[in-house]
Amino acid sequence: MGIVFSDLAVSADGFATGLNQREEAPFGDVDENWLHGWMFHAQEENKAEVDAILDSGATIMGRNMFGPVRGEWDRDWRGWWGPNPPYHGPVFVLTHYAHDPIQMEGGTTFHFVTDGIHAAMEQARAAAGDGNISVAGGPTTVNEYLAAGLIDELRLHVTACVVGAGERVFDGVPPQQLERVSVRPTSLVTHMVYRPVRP
């Protein structure tokens, strides 16, 4: 069986998104390049980490990561990523509002899960088989899975910026010890891998 991992790009003060997420600003009131520029402007030196982000048989994400639509599904929103999202497999979106699956180009299908994080994990495990499962985000969703003890490996990509406000990794996560697996600095980001220490 594969592992459950999460990758988050975070600011030096621990924020993975800014305030006021909206359609024209998926990460809120923060320059997206501050958090994710390393993925696009330093591709070669960060290739291993970028490739590892998508090395999963199934993906879980929160509704805010899927899009800006709140409440009932009152428009035909199909994600931030255009017709061919990068996941190329099943994606389970946590939501309080039922929605039919959305099949996209390249093998990505968005499934909408209304009965919580454990149900989404069960569906992801069934879909992934022996493959890894990615809890892609946003930070609130990652924090829920961390608090439930369901993430095996947390990969933080720490960027040299201060956001000041937004959604922070570890908010609401109970005290626990982490094992530091690796730290790798590059020109725009420091890649840090942790595993929760379990009894």
Protein backbone atom coordinates (compact mmCIF):
# COMPACT_ATOMS: atom_id res chain seq x y z
CA MET A 1 0.00 0.00 0.00
CA GLY A 2 1.25 3.48 -0.84
CA ILE A 3 1.59 6.39 1.54
CA VAL A 4 -0.69 9.36 2.15
CA PHE A 5 1.28 12.54 1.54
CA SER A 6 0.66 16.25 1.31
CA ASP A 7 2.64 18.98 -0.43
CA LEU A 8 2.11 22.60 0.54
CA ALA A 9 3.98 25.69 -0.58
CA VAL A 10 4.08 28.00 2.43
CA SER A 11 5.44 31.41 3.31
CA ALA A 12 8.16 31.84 5.92
CA ASP A 13 5.38 32.64 8.41
CA GLY A 14 3.51 29.44 7.58
CA PHE A 15 0.66 30.60 5.34
CA ALA A 16 -0.36 28.56 2.29
CA THR A 17 -2.98 31.05 1.06
CA GLY A 18 -3.76 34.69 1.68
CA LEU A 19 -7.08 36.25 2.59
CA ASN A 20 -10.00 36.83 0.19
CA GLN A 21 -9.76 33.94 -2.25
CA ARG A 22 -11.77 34.70 -5.39
CA GLU A 23 -11.95 33.64 -9.00
CA GLU A 24 -9.29 36.07 -10.22
CA ALA A 25 -7.07 35.34 -7.19
CA PRO A 26 -7.02 31.61 -6.32
CA PHE A 27 -4.57 32.22 -3.44
CA GLY A 28 -6.23 35.38 -2.17
CA ASP A 29 -4.43 38.64 -1.49
CA VAL A 30 -0.92 37.31 -2.07
CA ASP A 31 1.16 37.25 -5.23
CA GLU A 32 0.94 33.65 -6.45
CA ASN A 33 4.60 33.81 -7.53
CA TRP A 34 5.61 34.38 -3.91
CA LEU A 35 4.35 30.90 -3.02
CA HIS A 36 4.63 28.96 -6.27
CA GLY A 37 7.15 30.78 -8.46
CA TRP A 38 9.74 28.06 -7.73
CA MET A 39 7.60 25.56 -9.65
CA PHE A 40 7.75 27.64 -12.84
CA HIS A 41 10.89 29.80 -12.70
CA ALA A 42 13.35 27.25 -11.32
CA GLN A 43 11.98 24.10 -12.87
CA GLU A 44 15.18 22.12 -13.30
CA GLU A 45 16.50 22.51 -9.76
CA ASN A 46 13.07 21.65 -8.31
CA LYS A 47 12.06 18.95 -10.79
CA ALA A 48 12.19 16.06 -8.29
CA GLU A 49 9.84 17.82 -5.88
CA VAL A 50 7.42 18.92 -8.61
CA ASP A 51 7.29 15.39 -10.05
CA ALA A 52 6.67 13.94 -6.57
CA ILE A 53 3.64 16.22 -6.04
CA LEU A 54 1.72 14.37 -8.76
CA ASP A 55 2.97 10.86 -7.93
CA SER A 56 -0.33 9.55 -6.65
CA GLY A 57 -3.04 7.11 -7.63
CA ALA A 58 -5.74 9.40 -6.19
CA THR A 59 -6.02 12.94 -4.90
CA ILE A 60 -8.14 14.57 -2.18
CA MET A 61 -8.81 18.30 -2.01
CA GLY A 62 -11.11 20.73 -0.27
CA ARG A 63 -13.82 22.60 -2.09
CA ASN A 64 -11.94 25.91 -1.83
CA MET A 65 -8.99 24.36 -3.67
CA PHE A 66 -11.36 23.18 -6.39
CA GLY A 67 -12.82 26.62 -6.93
CA PRO A 68 -14.40 29.84 -5.66
CA VAL A 69 -18.04 28.72 -5.81
CA ARG A 70 -19.64 28.72 -2.35
CA GLY A 71 -22.93 27.20 -1.21
CA GLU A 72 -25.06 25.42 -3.80
CA TRP A 73 -23.47 24.64 -7.16
CA ASP A 74 -25.04 27.50 -9.11
CA ARG A 75 -22.64 27.58 -12.06
CA ASP A 76 -20.69 25.22 -14.27
CA TRP A 77 -17.31 25.43 -12.54
CA ARG A 78 -14.75 22.78 -13.56
CA GLY A 79 -11.69 23.75 -11.52
CA TRP A 80 -8.90 26.31 -11.82
CA TRP A 81 -6.76 24.24 -14.18
CA GLY A 82 -8.50 24.41 -17.56
CA PRO A 83 -9.74 21.41 -19.60
CA ASN A 84 -6.73 19.17 -18.79
CA PRO A 85 -5.95 19.37 -15.05
CA PRO A 86 -2.56 18.03 -13.91
CA TYR A 87 -3.91 15.15 -11.79
CA HIS A 88 -4.64 12.59 -14.54
CA GLY A 89 -6.59 10.37 -12.15
CA PRO A 90 -9.46 10.43 -9.67
CA VAL A 91 -9.78 13.53 -7.48
CA PHE A 92 -12.11 13.51 -4.46
CA VAL A 93 -13.43 16.96 -3.57
CA LEU A 94 -14.76 17.54 -0.04
CA THR A 95 -18.02 19.50 -0.10
CA HIS A 96 -21.33 19.87 1.73
CA TYR A 97 -23.25 19.99 -1.56
CA ALA A 98 -23.74 16.99 -3.83
CA HIS A 99 -22.52 17.22 -7.43
CA ASP A 100 -22.28 14.72 -10.25
CA PRO A 101 -18.73 13.65 -11.19
CA ILE A 102 -16.94 15.85 -13.72
CA GLN A 103 -14.78 14.06 -16.27
CA MET A 104 -11.96 16.12 -17.76
CA GLU A 105 -9.32 15.62 -20.44
CA GLY A 106 -6.22 13.62 -19.59
CA GLY A 107 -7.88 11.17 -17.23
CA THR A 108 -8.86 13.51 -14.38
CA THR A 109 -12.32 12.93 -12.91
CA PHE A 110 -13.56 15.09 -10.03
CA HIS A 111 -15.77 13.19 -7.57
CA PHE A 112 -17.65 15.12 -4.89
CA VAL A 113 -17.76 13.68 -1.36
CA THR A 114 -20.36 15.01 1.07
CA ASP A 115 -19.79 12.73 4.08
CA GLY A 116 -16.44 13.88 5.38
CA ILE A 117 -12.71 13.31 5.33
CA HIS A 118 -12.82 9.62 6.28
CA ALA A 119 -15.25 8.78 3.48
CA ALA A 120 -13.06 10.65 1.00
CA MET A 121 -10.02 8.72 2.22
CA GLU A 122 -11.83 5.38 1.86
CA GLN A 123 -12.81 6.25 -1.71
CA ALA A 124 -9.29 7.44 -2.51
CA ARG A 125 -7.76 4.22 -1.12
CA ALA A 126 -10.11 2.13 -3.21
CA ALA A 127 -9.24 4.14 -6.33
CA ALA A 128 -5.48 4.27 -5.70
CA GLY A 129 -5.00 0.55 -5.04
CA ASP A 130 -1.32 0.19 -4.13
CA GLY A 131 -0.56 3.75 -5.22
CA ASN A 132 0.03 6.84 -3.10
CA ILE A 133 -2.73 9.22 -2.08
CA SER A 134 -2.18 12.98 -2.20
CA VAL A 135 -4.05 15.31 0.15
CA ALA A 136 -3.47 18.29 -2.10
CA GLY A 137 -4.98 21.08 -0.03
CA GLY A 138 -5.85 23.69 0.77
CA PRO A 139 -4.29 24.13 4.18
CA THR A 140 -7.59 23.73 6.05
CA THR A 141 -8.10 20.31 4.46
CA VAL A 142 -4.50 19.28 5.12
CA ASN A 143 -4.88 20.37 8.75
CA GLU A 144 -8.01 18.23 9.13
CA TYR A 145 -6.16 15.17 7.86
CA LEU A 146 -3.14 15.94 10.06
CA ALA A 147 -5.39 16.30 13.09
CA ALA A 148 -7.00 12.93 12.30
CA GLY A 149 -3.58 11.26 12.00
CA LEU A 150 -4.16 10.30 8.37
CA ILE A 151 -1.08 11.83 6.70
CA ASP A 152 2.10 9.77 6.55
CA GLU A 153 4.39 12.39 5.00
CA LEU A 154 4.13 16.18 5.02
CA ARG A 155 6.23 18.05 2.46
CA LEU A 156 6.50 21.77 3.09
CA HIS A 157 8.00 23.97 0.39
CA VAL A 158 9.01 27.08 2.35
CA THR A 159 9.37 30.25 0.31
CA ALA A 160 11.16 33.47 1.23
CA CYS A 161 8.15 35.70 1.78
CA VAL A 162 5.94 36.87 4.64
CA VAL A 163 2.19 36.79 3.91
CA GLY A 164 0.94 38.03 7.29
CA ALA A 165 -2.58 36.59 7.18
CA GLY A 166 -4.58 33.84 5.53
CA GLU A 167 -4.76 30.09 6.07
CA ARG A 168 -1.83 28.63 7.96
CA VAL A 169 -0.58 25.06 8.05
CA PHE A 170 -0.93 23.35 11.48
CA ASP A 171 -3.83 25.58 12.67
CA GLY A 172 -6.07 23.32 14.78
CA VAL A 173 -3.60 20.41 14.65
CA PRO A 174 -3.00 18.93 18.13
CA PRO A 175 0.51 18.87 19.61
CA GLN A 176 2.59 16.07 18.16
CA GLN A 177 6.16 15.20 17.30
CA LEU A 178 7.40 15.17 13.73
CA GLU A 179 10.41 13.33 12.34
CA ARG A 180 12.44 15.47 9.95
CA VAL A 181 13.20 13.28 6.94
CA SER A 182 15.02 15.77 4.73
CA VAL A 183 15.77 19.44 4.09
CA ARG A 184 16.89 20.65 0.66
CA PRO A 185 17.41 24.36 -0.09
CA THR A 186 17.28 25.67 -3.64
CA SER A 187 17.44 29.22 -4.97
CA LEU A 188 13.76 30.06 -4.44
CA VAL A 189 12.49 27.52 -1.89
CA THR A 190 13.52 25.16 0.90
CA HIS A 191 11.98 21.70 0.64
CA MET A 192 11.29 20.15 4.06
CA VAL A 193 9.88 16.65 4.52
CA TYR A 194 8.37 15.51 7.83
CA ARG A 195 6.69 12.34 9.05
CA PRO A 196 4.42 12.28 12.09
CA VAL A 197 5.87 10.17 14.91
CA ARG A 198 3.29 7.56 15.80
CA PRO A 199 3.34 5.34 18.91
